[in-house]
Amino acid sequence: MTALALVGATAVVAVLGARWAVDELAPARCVFEAADREVSLTPEQAANAATIAGVAVDRGLPARAATIAITTAIQESKLRNLRYGHADSLGLFQQRPSQGWGTAEEVMDPVHASNAFYDALVQVEGWETGIVTEVAQEVQRSAFPDAYADHEWEGRVLASVLTGQEGAATRMGCRLPRPDGTGSAQALAAKATAQLGRSGTVSADVPATVRLELPDEAAAWSVGTWAVSHAAAEDVVRVTVGDREWRRTCDGLRWQDADEAVGATTVVVEVG
């Protein structure tokens, strides 16, 4: 090999090495974009936001309900399922067992906590059109009632994406390390049923997949973005909705054209 060729080969190796370092060492994060705004979350926060939105969709509530709930959870816990808080406050919404929100174990369950929030929300007169921060305060009775307004735009972005309102134009994704191989398609299907009220068909293929048939495109995109948001915890490596797919190992912050398109109301989730 000539000296010039050796220099060129060394440069290529250096570039590839730099790219590997960026991909492997960059902190895991999930990004959501809508209305020219961007929200960046940790995988834990993204999964919790997706669960809150998924429960709203399962209940047949409009995206506005998810906006109010997610806005509230950002203020109360930064979308973390906290095991501590003021007095006996716990969980995503810092709900107090002593105030009738459920047992300590129940309010630490994101599905129960979300349902409890929505149960209270729909009792607020005019919640569908009222000012978000004022409606949130009616539910929460916080000592800092104006603080919810600081996070309303984040709640709107996340709710728009996670309830499927963006459809095939969805701009979200998660940059994650390679999966450790402990994921289970059966466990993912059970989680989808518990959190979203959706039943999926688990394949016996390798790699294993969960296939879900949804009633409309918005529901399909809600499930698809939920699956990506839970990818870190469940070892998800690919999610396909219609003719678009998210791949964990290929620009995980973006969706791209699918290798194999599925129906517009179908979601296929591949587990590593």
C-alpha atoms as a PDB file:
ATOM      1  CA  MET A   1       0.000   0.000   0.000  1.00  0.00           C
ATOM      2  CA  THR A   2       1.306   3.449  -0.909  1.00  0.00           C
ATOM      3  CA  ALA A   3       1.763   6.130   1.694  1.00  0.00           C
ATOM      4  CA  LEU A   4      -1.092   8.129   0.156  1.00  0.00           C
ATOM      5  CA  ALA A   5      -3.439   5.125   0.227  1.00  0.00           C
ATOM      6  CA  LEU A   6      -2.456   4.382   3.802  1.00  0.00           C
ATOM      7  CA  VAL A   7      -3.281   7.952   4.826  1.00  0.00           C
ATOM      8  CA  GLY A   8      -6.658   7.680   3.043  1.00  0.00           C
ATOM      9  CA  ALA A   9      -7.505   4.385   4.715  1.00  0.00           C
ATOM     10  CA  THR A  10      -6.524   5.763   8.099  1.00  0.00           C
ATOM     11  CA  ALA A  11      -8.782   8.782   7.529  1.00  0.00           C
ATOM     12  CA  VAL A  12     -11.734   6.547   6.648  1.00  0.00           C
ATOM     13  CA  VAL A  13     -11.208   4.458   9.776  1.00  0.00           C
ATOM     14  CA  ALA A  14     -11.025   7.633  11.847  1.00  0.00           C
ATOM     15  CA  VAL A  15     -14.297   8.941  10.395  1.00  0.00           C
ATOM     16  CA  LEU A  16     -16.068   5.626  10.939  1.00  0.00           C
ATOM     17  CA  GLY A  17     -14.687   5.478  14.456  1.00  0.00           C
ATOM     18  CA  ALA A  18     -15.938   8.981  15.175  1.00  0.00           C
ATOM     19  CA  ARG A  19     -19.399   8.100  13.889  1.00  0.00           C
ATOM     20  CA  TRP A  20     -19.467   4.955  16.019  1.00  0.00           C
ATOM     21  CA  ALA A  21     -18.501   6.992  19.071  1.00  0.00           C
ATOM     22  CA  VAL A  22     -21.249   9.535  18.403  1.00  0.00           C
ATOM     23  CA  ASP A  23     -23.870   6.802  17.982  1.00  0.00           C
ATOM     24  CA  GLU A  24     -22.778   4.637  20.889  1.00  0.00           C
ATOM     25  CA  LEU A  25     -21.778   7.264  23.427  1.00  0.00           C
ATOM     26  CA  ALA A  26     -24.424   9.924  22.806  1.00  0.00           C
ATOM     27  CA  PRO A  27     -26.978  10.053  25.625  1.00  0.00           C
ATOM     28  CA  ALA A  28     -30.224   8.230  24.919  1.00  0.00           C
ATOM     29  CA  ARG A  29     -33.005  10.681  24.125  1.00  0.00           C
ATOM     30  CA  CYS A  30     -36.373  10.967  22.427  1.00  0.00           C
ATOM     31  CA  VAL A  31     -37.386  13.992  20.361  1.00  0.00           C
ATOM     32  CA  PHE A  32     -40.930  15.066  19.472  1.00  0.00           C
ATOM     33  CA  GLU A  33     -41.736  17.812  16.952  1.00  0.00           C
ATOM     34  CA  ALA A  34     -45.015  19.547  16.092  1.00  0.00           C
ATOM     35  CA  ALA A  35     -46.092  23.081  15.200  1.00  0.00           C
ATOM     36  CA  ASP A  36     -42.435  24.085  14.714  1.00  0.00           C
ATOM     37  CA  ARG A  37     -41.643  23.263  18.350  1.00  0.00           C
ATOM     38  CA  GLU A  38     -39.419  20.488  19.689  1.00  0.00           C
ATOM     39  CA  VAL A  39     -39.472  18.612  22.981  1.00  0.00           C
ATOM     40  CA  SER A  40     -36.524  16.430  24.045  1.00  0.00           C
ATOM     41  CA  LEU A  41     -37.045  13.787  26.734  1.00  0.00           C
ATOM     42  CA  THR A  42     -35.239  10.872  28.309  1.00  0.00           C
ATOM     43  CA  PRO A  43     -36.599   7.429  27.346  1.00  0.00           C
ATOM     44  CA  GLU A  44     -38.213   7.170  30.801  1.00  0.00           C
ATOM     45  CA  GLN A  45     -40.018  10.481  30.351  1.00  0.00           C
ATOM     46  CA  ALA A  46     -41.063   9.601  26.806  1.00  0.00           C
ATOM     47  CA  ALA A  47     -42.520   6.264  27.893  1.00  0.00           C
ATOM     48  CA  ASN A  48     -44.544   7.921  30.649  1.00  0.00           C
ATOM     49  CA  ALA A  49     -45.851  10.621  28.305  1.00  0.00           C
ATOM     50  CA  ALA A  50     -46.852   7.936  25.795  1.00  0.00           C
ATOM     51  CA  THR A  51     -48.692   5.980  28.485  1.00  0.00           C
ATOM     52  CA  ILE A  52     -50.622   9.072  29.597  1.00  0.00           C
ATOM     53  CA  ALA A  53     -51.607   9.819  25.994  1.00  0.00           C
ATOM     54  CA  GLY A  54     -52.416   6.173  25.257  1.00  0.00           C
ATOM     55  CA  VAL A  55     -54.823   5.980  28.180  1.00  0.00           C
ATOM     56  CA  ALA A  56     -56.631   9.078  26.866  1.00  0.00           C
ATOM     57  CA  VAL A  57     -56.974   7.490  23.416  1.00  0.00           C
ATOM     58  CA  ASP A  58     -58.197   4.227  24.950  1.00  0.00           C
ATOM     59  CA  ARG A  59     -60.895   6.175  26.824  1.00  0.00           C
ATOM     60  CA  GLY A  60     -62.001   7.933  23.664  1.00  0.00           C
ATOM     61  CA  LEU A  61     -60.956  11.337  24.988  1.00  0.00           C
ATOM     62  CA  PRO A  62     -59.770  14.082  22.626  1.00  0.00           C
ATOM     63  CA  ALA A  63     -56.131  15.095  22.297  1.00  0.00           C
ATOM     64  CA  ARG A  64     -56.864  18.098  24.536  1.00  0.00           C
ATOM     65  CA  ALA A  65     -57.306  15.753  27.505  1.00  0.00           C
ATOM     66  CA  ALA A  66     -53.832  14.346  26.893  1.00  0.00           C
ATOM     67  CA  THR A  67     -52.455  17.890  26.568  1.00  0.00           C
ATOM     68  CA  ILE A  68     -53.805  18.823  30.001  1.00  0.00           C
ATOM     69  CA  ALA A  69     -52.644  15.580  31.608  1.00  0.00           C
ATOM     70  CA  ILE A  70     -49.131  15.666  30.133  1.00  0.00           C
ATOM     71  CA  THR A  71     -48.750  19.374  30.965  1.00  0.00           C
ATOM     72  CA  THR A  72     -49.712  18.569  34.552  1.00  0.00           C
ATOM     73  CA  ALA A  73     -47.310  15.623  34.808  1.00  0.00           C
ATOM     74  CA  ILE A  74     -44.420  17.712  33.463  1.00  0.00           C
ATOM     75  CA  GLN A  75     -44.985  20.268  36.214  1.00  0.00           C
ATOM     76  CA  GLU A  76     -45.636  17.756  38.991  1.00  0.00           C
ATOM     77  CA  SER A  77     -42.923  15.161  38.318  1.00  0.00           C
ATOM     78  CA  LYS A  78     -41.074  16.089  35.117  1.00  0.00           C
ATOM     79  CA  LEU A  79     -42.722  12.934  33.709  1.00  0.00           C
ATOM     80  CA  ARG A  80     -40.922  10.696  36.193  1.00  0.00           C
ATOM     81  CA  ASN A  81     -42.773   8.142  38.299  1.00  0.00           C
ATOM     82  CA  LEU A  82     -41.538   9.495  41.622  1.00  0.00           C
ATOM     83  CA  ARG A  83     -41.602   7.429  44.795  1.00  0.00           C
ATOM     84  CA  TYR A  84     -41.553  10.574  46.915  1.00  0.00           C
ATOM     85  CA  GLY A  85     -43.122  14.013  47.112  1.00  0.00           C
ATOM     86  CA  HIS A  86     -44.706  16.557  49.425  1.00  0.00           C
ATOM     87  CA  ALA A  87     -46.504  14.842  52.307  1.00  0.00           C
ATOM     88  CA  ASP A  88     -47.717  11.535  50.823  1.00  0.00           C
ATOM     89  CA  SER A  89     -47.667  12.656  47.167  1.00  0.00           C
ATOM     90  CA  LEU A  90     -46.448  10.001  44.728  1.00  0.00           C
ATOM     91  CA  GLY A  91     -46.116   9.179  41.062  1.00  0.00           C
ATOM     92  CA  LEU A  92     -46.452  11.040  37.780  1.00  0.00           C
ATOM     93  CA  PHE A  93     -49.147  13.410  39.016  1.00  0.00           C
ATOM     94  CA  GLN A  94     -48.011  13.536  42.638  1.00  0.00           C
ATOM     95  CA  GLN A  95     -51.368  12.190  43.711  1.00  0.00           C
ATOM     96  CA  ARG A  96     -51.978  11.706  47.432  1.00  0.00           C
ATOM     97  CA  PRO A  97     -53.409   8.416  48.674  1.00  0.00           C
ATOM     98  CA  SER A  98     -54.789  10.301  51.671  1.00  0.00           C
ATOM     99  CA  GLN A  99     -56.832  12.458  49.299  1.00  0.00           C
ATOM    100  CA  GLY A 100     -58.604   9.573  47.608  1.00  0.00           C
ATOM    101  CA  TRP A 101     -56.471   9.072  44.489  1.00  0.00           C
ATOM    102  CA  GLY A 102     -55.875   5.391  45.298  1.00  0.00           C
ATOM    103  CA  THR A 103     -53.460   3.362  47.371  1.00  0.00           C
ATOM    104  CA  ALA A 104     -49.748   4.132  47.270  1.00  0.00           C
ATOM    105  CA  GLU A 105     -49.259   1.143  44.973  1.00  0.00           C
ATOM    106  CA  GLU A 106     -52.067   2.286  42.669  1.00  0.00           C
ATOM    107  CA  VAL A 107     -50.885   5.866  42.211  1.00  0.00           C
ATOM    108  CA  MET A 108     -47.438   4.509  41.334  1.00  0.00           C
ATOM    109  CA  ASP A 109     -49.042   2.630  38.418  1.00  0.00           C
ATOM    110  CA  PRO A 110     -48.995   5.046  35.426  1.00  0.00           C
ATOM    111  CA  VAL A 111     -52.196   3.558  33.993  1.00  0.00           C
ATOM    112  CA  HIS A 112     -54.133   3.900  37.252  1.00  0.00           C
ATOM    113  CA  ALA A 113     -52.694   7.372  37.859  1.00  0.00           C
ATOM    114  CA  SER A 114     -53.655   8.505  34.347  1.00  0.00           C
ATOM    115  CA  ASN A 115     -57.164   7.098  34.649  1.00  0.00           C
ATOM    116  CA  ALA A 116     -57.594   8.761  38.046  1.00  0.00           C
ATOM    117  CA  PHE A 117     -56.517  12.088  36.537  1.00  0.00           C
ATOM    118  CA  TYR A 118     -58.946  11.736  33.620  1.00  0.00           C
ATOM    119  CA  ASP A 119     -61.762  10.675  35.976  1.00  0.00           C
ATOM    120  CA  ALA A 120     -61.310  14.001  37.785  1.00  0.00           C
ATOM    121  CA  LEU A 121     -60.710  15.996  34.585  1.00  0.00           C
ATOM    122  CA  VAL A 122     -64.002  15.110  32.913  1.00  0.00           C
ATOM    123  CA  GLN A 123     -65.836  16.318  36.019  1.00  0.00           C
ATOM    124  CA  VAL A 124     -64.458  19.840  35.540  1.00  0.00           C
ATOM    125  CA  GLU A 125     -67.112  21.976  33.863  1.00  0.00           C
ATOM    126  CA  GLY A 126     -65.889  23.360  30.537  1.00  0.00           C
ATOM    127  CA  TRP A 127     -62.608  21.428  30.541  1.00  0.00           C
ATOM    128  CA  GLU A 128     -62.841  20.926  26.780  1.00  0.00           C
ATOM    129  CA  THR A 129     -62.498  24.657  26.085  1.00  0.00           C
ATOM    130  CA  GLY A 130     -61.139  26.157  29.307  1.00  0.00           C
ATOM    131  CA  ILE A 131     -57.652  27.570  29.818  1.00  0.00           C
ATOM    132  CA  VAL A 132     -55.304  24.608  30.251  1.00  0.00           C
ATOM    133  CA  THR A 133     -53.560  25.846  33.379  1.00  0.00           C
ATOM    134  CA  GLU A 134     -56.877  26.687  35.062  1.00  0.00           C
ATOM    135  CA  VAL A 135     -58.374  23.295  34.218  1.00  0.00           C
ATOM    136  CA  ALA A 136     -55.235  21.536  35.493  1.00  0.00           C
ATOM    137  CA  GLN A 137     -55.511  23.482  38.750  1.00  0.00           C
ATOM    138  CA  GLU A 138     -59.147  22.431  39.157  1.00  0.00           C
ATOM    139  CA  VAL A 139     -57.986  18.822  39.062  1.00  0.00           C
ATOM    140  CA  GLN A 140     -54.799  19.130  41.086  1.00  0.00           C
ATOM    141  CA  ARG A 141     -55.464  21.926  43.612  1.00  0.00           C
ATOM    142  CA  SER A 142     -51.780  22.793  43.525  1.00  0.00           C
ATOM    143  CA  ALA A 143     -50.043  25.304  45.791  1.00  0.00           C
ATOM    144  CA  PHE A 144     -48.501  26.737  42.593  1.00  0.00           C
ATOM    145  CA  PRO A 145     -51.488  27.113  40.238  1.00  0.00           C
ATOM    146  CA  ASP A 146     -49.751  29.279  37.644  1.00  0.00           C
ATOM    147  CA  ALA A 147     -46.847  26.883  37.085  1.00  0.00           C
ATOM    148  CA  TYR A 148     -48.760  24.648  34.659  1.00  0.00           C
ATOM    149  CA  ALA A 149     -48.768  27.425  32.053  1.00  0.00           C
ATOM    150  CA  ASP A 150     -44.979  27.147  31.750  1.00  0.00           C
ATOM    151  CA  HIS A 151     -45.324  23.683  30.217  1.00  0.00           C
ATOM    152  CA  GLU A 152     -48.473  23.982  28.126  1.00  0.00           C
ATOM    153  CA  TRP A 153     -46.647  24.147  24.789  1.00  0.00           C
ATOM    154  CA  GLU A 154     -44.686  21.001  25.665  1.00  0.00           C
ATOM    155  CA  GLY A 155     -47.904  19.232  26.558  1.00  0.00           C
ATOM    156  CA  ARG A 156     -49.462  20.273  23.249  1.00  0.00           C
ATOM    157  CA  VAL A 157     -46.513  18.985  21.202  1.00  0.00           C
ATOM    158  CA  LEU A 158     -46.386  15.654  23.008  1.00  0.00           C
ATOM    159  CA  ALA A 159     -50.145  15.134  22.922  1.00  0.00           C
ATOM    160  CA  SER A 160     -50.334  15.957  19.216  1.00  0.00           C
ATOM    161  CA  VAL A 161     -47.694  13.359  18.366  1.00  0.00           C
ATOM    162  CA  LEU A 162     -48.650  10.665  20.879  1.00  0.00           C
ATOM    163  CA  THR A 163     -52.384  10.678  20.153  1.00  0.00           C
ATOM    164  CA  GLY A 164     -51.639  10.168  16.457  1.00  0.00           C
ATOM    165  CA  GLN A 165     -52.814  13.584  15.276  1.00  0.00           C
ATOM    166  CA  GLU A 166     -49.681  14.087  13.154  1.00  0.00           C
ATOM    167  CA  GLY A 167     -50.291  10.862  11.207  1.00  0.00           C
ATOM    168  CA  ALA A 168     -47.739   9.908   8.559  1.00  0.00           C
ATOM    169  CA  ALA A 169     -46.137  13.333   8.973  1.00  0.00           C
ATOM    170  CA  THR A 170     -45.072  12.355  12.499  1.00  0.00           C
ATOM    171  CA  ARG A 171     -41.677  13.715  13.459  1.00  0.00           C
ATOM    172  CA  MET A 172     -40.436  11.870  16.506  1.00  0.00           C
ATOM    173  CA  GLY A 173     -37.977   9.200  17.437  1.00  0.00           C
ATOM    174  CA  CYS A 174     -35.613   7.871  20.065  1.00  0.00           C
ATOM    175  CA  ARG A 175     -31.836   7.543  19.799  1.00  0.00           C
ATOM    176  CA  LEU A 176     -30.999   4.508  21.908  1.00  0.00           C
ATOM    177  CA  PRO A 177     -28.090   2.136  22.536  1.00  0.00           C
ATOM    178  CA  ARG A 178     -28.230  -1.307  20.988  1.00  0.00           C
ATOM    179  CA  PRO A 179     -30.720  -3.624  22.751  1.00  0.00           C
ATOM    180  CA  ASP A 180     -29.393  -6.168  25.212  1.00  0.00           C
ATOM    181  CA  GLY A 181     -31.546  -8.958  23.801  1.00  0.00           C
ATOM    182  CA  THR A 182     -33.775  -9.510  26.831  1.00  0.00           C
ATOM    183  CA  GLY A 183     -36.946  -8.145  25.239  1.00  0.00           C
ATOM    184  CA  SER A 184     -40.085 -10.255  24.891  1.00  0.00           C
ATOM    185  CA  ALA A 185     -42.786  -9.869  22.242  1.00  0.00           C
ATOM    186  CA  GLN A 186     -45.262 -11.500  24.624  1.00  0.00           C
ATOM    187  CA  ALA A 187     -44.420  -8.972  27.335  1.00  0.00           C
ATOM    188  CA  LEU A 188     -44.788  -6.090  24.871  1.00  0.00           C
ATOM    189  CA  ALA A 189     -48.181  -7.383  23.713  1.00  0.00           C
ATOM    190  CA  ALA A 190     -49.333  -7.657  27.336  1.00  0.00           C
ATOM    191  CA  LYS A 191     -48.149  -4.107  28.000  1.00  0.00           C
ATOM    192  CA  ALA A 192     -50.058  -2.795  24.971  1.00  0.00           C
ATOM    193  CA  THR A 193     -53.210  -4.458  26.267  1.00  0.00           C
ATOM    194  CA  ALA A 194     -52.741  -3.093  29.782  1.00  0.00           C
ATOM    195  CA  GLN A 195     -51.863   0.462  28.772  1.00  0.00           C
ATOM    196  CA  LEU A 196     -53.715   0.950  25.498  1.00  0.00           C
ATOM    197  CA  GLY A 197     -56.524  -1.571  25.568  1.00  0.00           C
ATOM    198  CA  ARG A 198     -55.169  -3.011  22.296  1.00  0.00           C
ATOM    199  CA  SER A 199     -54.647  -6.701  21.586  1.00  0.00           C
ATOM    200  CA  GLY A 200     -51.820  -7.778  19.305  1.00  0.00           C
ATOM    201  CA  THR A 201     -50.811 -10.984  17.554  1.00  0.00           C
ATOM    202  CA  VAL A 202     -47.394 -12.300  18.525  1.00  0.00           C
ATOM    203  CA  SER A 203     -45.420 -14.088  15.818  1.00  0.00           C
ATOM    204  CA  ALA A 204     -43.275 -17.161  16.362  1.00  0.00           C
ATOM    205  CA  ASP A 205     -40.716 -15.842  13.883  1.00  0.00           C
ATOM    206  CA  VAL A 206     -37.185 -14.718  14.618  1.00  0.00           C
ATOM    207  CA  PRO A 207     -37.051 -11.835  15.239  1.00  0.00           C
ATOM    208  CA  ALA A 208     -40.378 -11.870  17.061  1.00  0.00           C
ATOM    209  CA  THR A 209     -43.021  -9.279  16.221  1.00  0.00           C
ATOM    210  CA  VAL A 210     -46.300  -7.981  17.598  1.00  0.00           C
ATOM    211  CA  ARG A 211     -48.909  -7.056  14.995  1.00  0.00           C
ATOM    212  CA  LEU A 212     -51.793  -4.774  15.943  1.00  0.00           C
ATOM    213  CA  GLU A 213     -54.795  -3.878  13.791  1.00  0.00           C
ATOM    214  CA  LEU A 214     -56.312  -0.493  14.641  1.00  0.00           C
ATOM    215  CA  PRO A 215     -59.627   1.162  13.728  1.00  0.00           C
ATOM    216  CA  ASP A 216     -58.132   4.209  12.012  1.00  0.00           C
ATOM    217  CA  GLU A 217     -54.817   5.853  11.096  1.00  0.00           C
ATOM    218  CA  ALA A 218     -54.714   8.156  14.122  1.00  0.00           C
ATOM    219  CA  ALA A 219     -55.054   5.154  16.441  1.00  0.00           C
ATOM    220  CA  ALA A 220     -52.332   3.337  14.490  1.00  0.00           C
ATOM    221  CA  TRP A 221     -49.934   6.255  14.849  1.00  0.00           C
ATOM    222  CA  SER A 222     -50.752   6.578  18.529  1.00  0.00           C
ATOM    223  CA  VAL A 223     -49.781   2.924  19.036  1.00  0.00           C
ATOM    224  CA  GLY A 224     -46.721   3.294  16.798  1.00  0.00           C
ATOM    225  CA  THR A 225     -45.353   6.283  18.675  1.00  0.00           C
ATOM    226  CA  TRP A 226     -46.160   4.535  21.973  1.00  0.00           C
ATOM    227  CA  ALA A 227     -44.054   1.561  20.843  1.00  0.00           C
ATOM    228  CA  VAL A 228     -41.100   3.794  19.934  1.00  0.00           C
ATOM    229  CA  SER A 229     -41.410   5.670  23.231  1.00  0.00           C
ATOM    230  CA  HIS A 230     -41.245   2.347  25.106  1.00  0.00           C
ATOM    231  CA  ALA A 231     -38.451   0.952  22.913  1.00  0.00           C
ATOM    232  CA  ALA A 232     -35.720   1.360  25.521  1.00  0.00           C
ATOM    233  CA  ALA A 233     -37.590  -0.620  28.168  1.00  0.00           C
ATOM    234  CA  GLU A 234     -38.900  -3.314  25.822  1.00  0.00           C
ATOM    235  CA  ASP A 235     -35.944  -3.863  23.434  1.00  0.00           C
ATOM    236  CA  VAL A 236     -37.980  -2.694  20.442  1.00  0.00           C
ATOM    237  CA  VAL A 237     -35.814  -2.449  17.309  1.00  0.00           C
ATOM    238  CA  ARG A 238     -38.317  -1.619  14.555  1.00  0.00           C
ATOM    239  CA  VAL A 239     -41.824  -0.174  14.353  1.00  0.00           C
ATOM    240  CA  THR A 240     -43.797  -0.050  11.094  1.00  0.00           C
ATOM    241  CA  VAL A 241     -46.971   1.963  10.566  1.00  0.00           C
ATOM    242  CA  GLY A 242     -48.392   1.939   7.042  1.00  0.00           C
ATOM    243  CA  ASP A 243     -45.497   2.658   4.681  1.00  0.00           C
ATOM    244  CA  ARG A 244     -43.295   4.298   7.322  1.00  0.00           C
ATOM    245  CA  GLU A 245     -40.948   2.742   9.850  1.00  0.00           C
ATOM    246  CA  TRP A 246     -38.720   3.619  12.792  1.00  0.00           C
ATOM    247  CA  ARG A 247     -35.471   1.692  13.113  1.00  0.00           C
ATOM    248  CA  ARG A 248     -33.431   1.725  16.281  1.00  0.00           C
ATOM    249  CA  THR A 249     -30.117   1.225  14.494  1.00  0.00           C
ATOM    250  CA  CYS A 250     -30.672   3.682  11.638  1.00  0.00           C
ATOM    251  CA  ASP A 251     -31.214   7.342  12.544  1.00  0.00           C
ATOM    252  CA  GLY A 252     -33.487   6.546  15.455  1.00  0.00           C
ATOM    253  CA  LEU A 253     -34.667  10.151  15.685  1.00  0.00           C
ATOM    254  CA  ARG A 254     -36.571   9.885  12.401  1.00  0.00           C
ATOM    255  CA  TRP A 255     -39.115   7.701  10.590  1.00  0.00           C
ATOM    256  CA  GLN A 256     -38.321   6.615   7.047  1.00  0.00           C
ATOM    257  CA  ASP A 257     -39.804   4.660   4.142  1.00  0.00           C
ATOM    258  CA  ALA A 258     -40.569   1.113   5.230  1.00  0.00           C
ATOM    259  CA  ASP A 259     -38.751  -1.865   3.742  1.00  0.00           C
ATOM    260  CA  GLU A 260     -42.088  -3.696   3.778  1.00  0.00           C
ATOM    261  CA  ALA A 261     -45.212  -1.559   3.984  1.00  0.00           C
ATOM    262  CA  VAL A 262     -48.222  -2.736   5.972  1.00  0.00           C
ATOM    263  CA  GLY A 263     -51.811  -1.519   5.977  1.00  0.00           C
ATOM    264  CA  ALA A 264     -52.421   2.112   6.892  1.00  0.00           C
ATOM    265  CA  THR A 265     -54.145   1.039  10.119  1.00  0.00           C
ATOM    266  CA  THR A 266     -51.645  -1.716  10.968  1.00  0.00           C
ATOM    267  CA  VAL A 267     -48.709  -1.520  13.373  1.00  0.00           C
ATOM    268  CA  VAL A 268     -45.923  -4.113  13.436  1.00  0.00           C
ATOM    269  CA  VAL A 269     -43.421  -3.963  16.288  1.00  0.00           C
ATOM    270  CA  GLU A 270     -40.209  -5.980  16.129  1.00  0.00           C
ATOM    271  CA  VAL A 271     -38.517  -6.912  19.389  1.00  0.00           C
ATOM    272  CA  GLY A 272     -34.772  -7.538  19.538  1.00  0.00           C
END
